[in-house]
Protein backbone atom coordinates (compact mmCIF):
# COMPACT_ATOMS: atom_id res chain seq x y z
CA UNK A 1 -45.80 39.85 14.96
CA UNK A 2 -42.94 42.71 13.52
CA UNK A 3 -45.70 45.24 11.29
CA UNK A 4 -42.13 45.56 9.26
CA UNK A 5 -42.53 42.12 8.41
CA UNK A 6 -46.29 42.11 7.72
CA UNK A 7 -46.19 44.97 5.52
CA UNK A 8 -42.41 43.66 4.02
CA UNK A 9 -44.89 39.92 3.46
CA UNK A 10 -47.38 41.37 2.08
CA UNK A 11 -46.31 44.75 -0.44
CA UNK A 12 -44.07 41.12 -1.47
CA UNK A 13 -47.15 39.23 -2.47
CA UNK A 14 -48.95 42.48 -4.20
CA UNK A 15 -44.90 42.53 -6.47
CA UNK A 16 -45.83 38.95 -6.77
CA UNK A 17 -49.42 39.62 -8.56
CA UNK A 18 -46.95 41.63 -10.99
CA UNK A 19 -43.94 40.43 -11.89
CA UNK A 20 -43.16 36.85 -11.03
CA UNK A 21 -39.88 36.82 -10.59
CA UNK A 22 -39.38 40.11 -8.96
CA UNK A 23 -39.48 40.42 -5.14
CA UNK A 24 -37.19 37.74 -4.57
CA UNK A 25 -34.52 38.83 -6.80
CA UNK A 26 -35.57 42.31 -4.62
CA UNK A 27 -34.68 40.53 -1.26
CA UNK A 28 -31.83 39.15 -3.09
CA UNK A 29 -30.14 42.48 -3.69
CA UNK A 30 -30.86 43.91 -0.27
CA UNK A 31 -29.16 41.25 0.99
CA UNK A 32 -26.45 41.57 -1.35
CA UNK A 33 -26.07 44.83 -1.44
CA UNK A 34 -27.79 46.63 1.55
CA UNK A 35 -26.96 44.12 3.47
CA UNK A 36 -30.75 43.40 5.43
CA UNK A 37 -31.18 40.21 6.87
CA UNK A 38 -32.03 36.54 4.50
CA UNK A 39 -34.64 35.25 5.37
CA UNK A 40 -33.04 31.50 6.03
CA UNK A 41 -36.23 29.40 3.55
CA UNK A 42 -34.56 32.41 1.23
CA UNK A 43 -31.12 32.72 1.67
CA UNK A 44 -30.68 31.59 -1.70
CA UNK A 45 -32.19 35.04 -3.41
CA UNK A 46 -28.62 36.46 -2.31
CA UNK A 47 -26.15 33.57 -3.44
CA UNK A 48 -24.14 34.18 -7.01
CA UNK A 49 -26.35 31.64 -8.54
CA UNK A 50 -29.57 32.75 -8.08
CA UNK A 51 -29.36 36.23 -7.86
CA UNK A 52 -27.87 36.25 -11.37
CA UNK A 53 -30.92 33.08 -11.88
CA UNK A 54 -32.74 35.90 -10.68
CA UNK A 55 -31.69 38.24 -12.43
CA UNK A 56 -32.10 36.58 -15.56
CA UNK A 57 -36.03 35.38 -15.50
CA UNK A 58 -37.42 38.78 -14.37
CA UNK A 59 -35.39 41.07 -17.85
CA UNK A 60 -37.13 37.50 -19.84
CA UNK A 61 -40.56 38.48 -17.71
CA UNK A 62 -40.32 42.62 -17.90
CA UNK A 63 -39.46 41.97 -21.92
CA UNK A 64 -41.43 39.23 -22.74
CA UNK A 65 -44.55 40.74 -21.10
CA UNK A 66 -44.22 43.54 -23.87
CA UNK A 67 -44.89 40.70 -26.56
CA UNK A 68 -48.64 40.26 -27.15
CA UNK A 69 -48.92 36.47 -27.94
CA UNK A 70 -46.23 35.70 -25.16
CA UNK A 71 -47.89 38.35 -22.58
CA UNK A 72 -51.64 36.14 -22.30
CA UNK A 73 -49.69 33.11 -22.40
CA UNK A 74 -46.95 34.11 -19.33
CA UNK A 75 -50.10 35.26 -18.03
CA UNK A 76 -51.69 31.23 -18.31
CA UNK A 77 -48.64 29.86 -16.32
CA UNK A 78 -48.57 32.64 -13.60
CA UNK A 79 -51.92 31.37 -12.60
CA UNK A 80 -50.35 29.59 -10.41
CA UNK A 81 -47.01 30.70 -9.78
CA UNK A 82 -48.32 33.91 -7.96
CA UNK A 83 -50.20 32.43 -5.39
CA UNK A 84 -47.00 30.52 -4.30
CA UNK A 85 -44.81 33.25 -4.55
CA UNK A 86 -47.99 35.41 -2.31
CA UNK A 87 -47.56 32.25 0.10
CA UNK A 88 -43.52 32.00 -0.33
CA UNK A 89 -42.60 35.65 0.62
CA UNK A 90 -44.38 36.11 3.95
CA UNK A 91 -44.19 33.25 5.09
CA UNK A 92 -40.19 33.51 4.92
CA UNK A 93 -39.60 36.85 6.04
CA UNK A 94 -42.34 35.69 9.58
CA UNK A 95 -41.62 31.67 10.30
CA UNK A 96 -39.28 32.80 11.90
CA UNK A 97 -41.14 35.26 14.66
CA UNK A 98 -44.13 33.22 14.24
CA UNK A 99 -44.38 30.34 12.76
CA UNK A 100 -48.16 29.91 12.24
CA UNK A 101 -48.60 33.68 11.72
CA UNK A 102 -46.39 33.39 9.21
CA UNK A 103 -48.69 30.43 7.20
CA UNK A 104 -51.98 32.21 8.17
CA UNK A 105 -50.56 35.47 6.12
CA UNK A 106 -49.09 33.42 3.95
CA UNK A 107 -51.95 31.65 3.38
CA UNK A 108 -54.92 34.02 4.07
CA UNK A 109 -53.83 37.08 2.62
CA UNK A 110 -50.64 37.10 0.54
CA UNK A 111 -51.32 34.15 -1.90
CA UNK A 112 -55.40 35.47 -2.80
CA UNK A 113 -53.16 38.91 -2.60
CA UNK A 114 -50.46 37.85 -5.94
CA UNK A 115 -53.59 36.10 -7.31
CA UNK A 116 -56.61 39.20 -7.37
CA UNK A 117 -53.98 41.22 -8.74
CA UNK A 118 -52.38 38.79 -11.05
CA UNK A 119 -56.41 37.76 -12.63
CA UNK A 120 -57.00 42.60 -12.66
CA UNK A 121 -54.02 42.62 -14.94
CA UNK A 122 -54.22 39.45 -16.82
CA UNK A 123 -58.19 40.59 -17.08
CA UNK A 124 -57.09 44.25 -18.45
CA UNK A 125 -54.90 43.15 -20.94
CA UNK A 126 -57.61 41.43 -21.86
CA UNK A 127 -59.79 44.07 -22.25
CA UNK A 128 -55.55 45.83 -23.82
CA UNK A 129 -55.67 42.86 -26.48
CA UNK A 130 -60.05 43.19 -27.32
CA UNK A 131 -59.67 46.84 -27.65
CA UNK A 132 -55.87 48.68 -29.27
CA UNK A 133 -55.63 44.44 -31.22
CA UNK A 134 -52.82 44.66 -28.25
CA UNK A 135 -51.15 47.32 -29.75
CA UNK A 136 -51.59 49.48 -26.50
CA UNK A 137 -50.61 46.47 -24.45
CA UNK A 138 -45.92 47.41 -24.32
CA UNK A 139 -47.85 50.20 -22.28
CA UNK A 140 -49.86 48.68 -19.29
CA UNK A 141 -46.65 46.32 -19.03
CA UNK A 142 -44.56 49.03 -18.38
CA UNK A 143 -47.36 50.51 -16.37
CA UNK A 144 -47.42 47.50 -14.39
CA UNK A 145 -43.64 47.05 -14.34
CA UNK A 146 -43.86 51.75 -12.72
CA UNK A 147 -45.95 49.96 -10.15
CA UNK A 148 -43.58 46.74 -8.91
CA UNK A 149 -41.37 48.06 -8.73
CA UNK A 150 -42.53 52.29 -6.88
CA UNK A 151 -43.44 49.01 -4.48
CA UNK A 152 -40.27 47.37 -4.05
CA UNK A 153 -38.80 50.86 -3.45
CA UNK A 154 -41.95 52.51 -1.39
CA UNK A 155 -41.50 48.83 1.04
CA UNK A 156 -37.60 50.03 1.86
CA UNK A 157 -38.67 53.99 2.14
CA UNK A 158 -42.21 54.25 3.17
CA UNK A 159 -43.34 51.18 4.39
CA UNK A 160 -46.56 52.32 5.07
CA UNK A 161 -47.58 53.92 1.84
CA UNK A 162 -46.54 51.40 0.63
CA UNK A 163 -48.73 49.10 3.67
CA UNK A 164 -50.89 52.16 2.10
CA UNK A 165 -51.05 50.93 -1.38
CA UNK A 166 -51.91 47.49 -1.29
CA UNK A 167 -54.62 49.08 0.01
CA UNK A 168 -55.25 50.65 -3.33
CA UNK A 169 -54.68 47.76 -4.58
CA UNK A 170 -56.60 45.45 -3.09
CA UNK A 171 -59.80 48.47 -3.55
CA UNK A 172 -59.30 47.59 -6.91
CA UNK A 173 -59.07 44.10 -7.05
CA UNK A 174 -62.63 43.96 -5.37
CA UNK A 175 -63.95 46.51 -7.67
CA UNK A 176 -62.16 44.78 -10.92
CA UNK A 177 -64.09 41.18 -9.65
CA UNK A 178 -66.81 42.70 -8.71
CA UNK A 179 -67.60 44.42 -12.23
CA UNK A 180 -66.20 40.95 -13.52
CA UNK A 181 -68.78 39.02 -11.70
CA UNK A 182 -72.02 41.70 -13.47
CA UNK A 183 -71.02 40.62 -16.32
CA UNK A 184 -70.86 37.34 -15.92
CA UNK A 185 -73.78 36.90 -14.60
CA UNK A 186 -75.38 39.55 -17.43
CA UNK A 187 -74.33 36.48 -19.73
């Protein structure tokens, strides 16, 4: 499997853990404006209707995530959708090269990564709400937007740096899950 497609697939799955629609919009934009080939499964992202739909969905997601009550509702709904995106992105990017490898990468890495990042994000948001009555949530959301955007930029200009960022996110997720597990055992 080509290493760049693997890095793109995993990095986009990680980004989907933060913002569900942003990696799909990114792929559509790369196809439309940078003339990057789009995987057959995701060719709709570059169509006029698909790109417009993803642009609107991304804007709604980003803006709605700044509203403290709405952000929790979005997190609840996204708990099921983000792992699916985590499977689909690596699967689509690698399917033509190695269908079995694409499925394995999507299921074994993409879905857990997207879900783990989402769970850590949602847990951080709950802690932010509990400690600041939700007033810090918009600022936390802006940091999440910046991290997702940075990941998408790095995957193009510095794929290995993007891969290192994914590894750092995995470490953060594992530490957060261990911390939550210890707290649950105490209670």
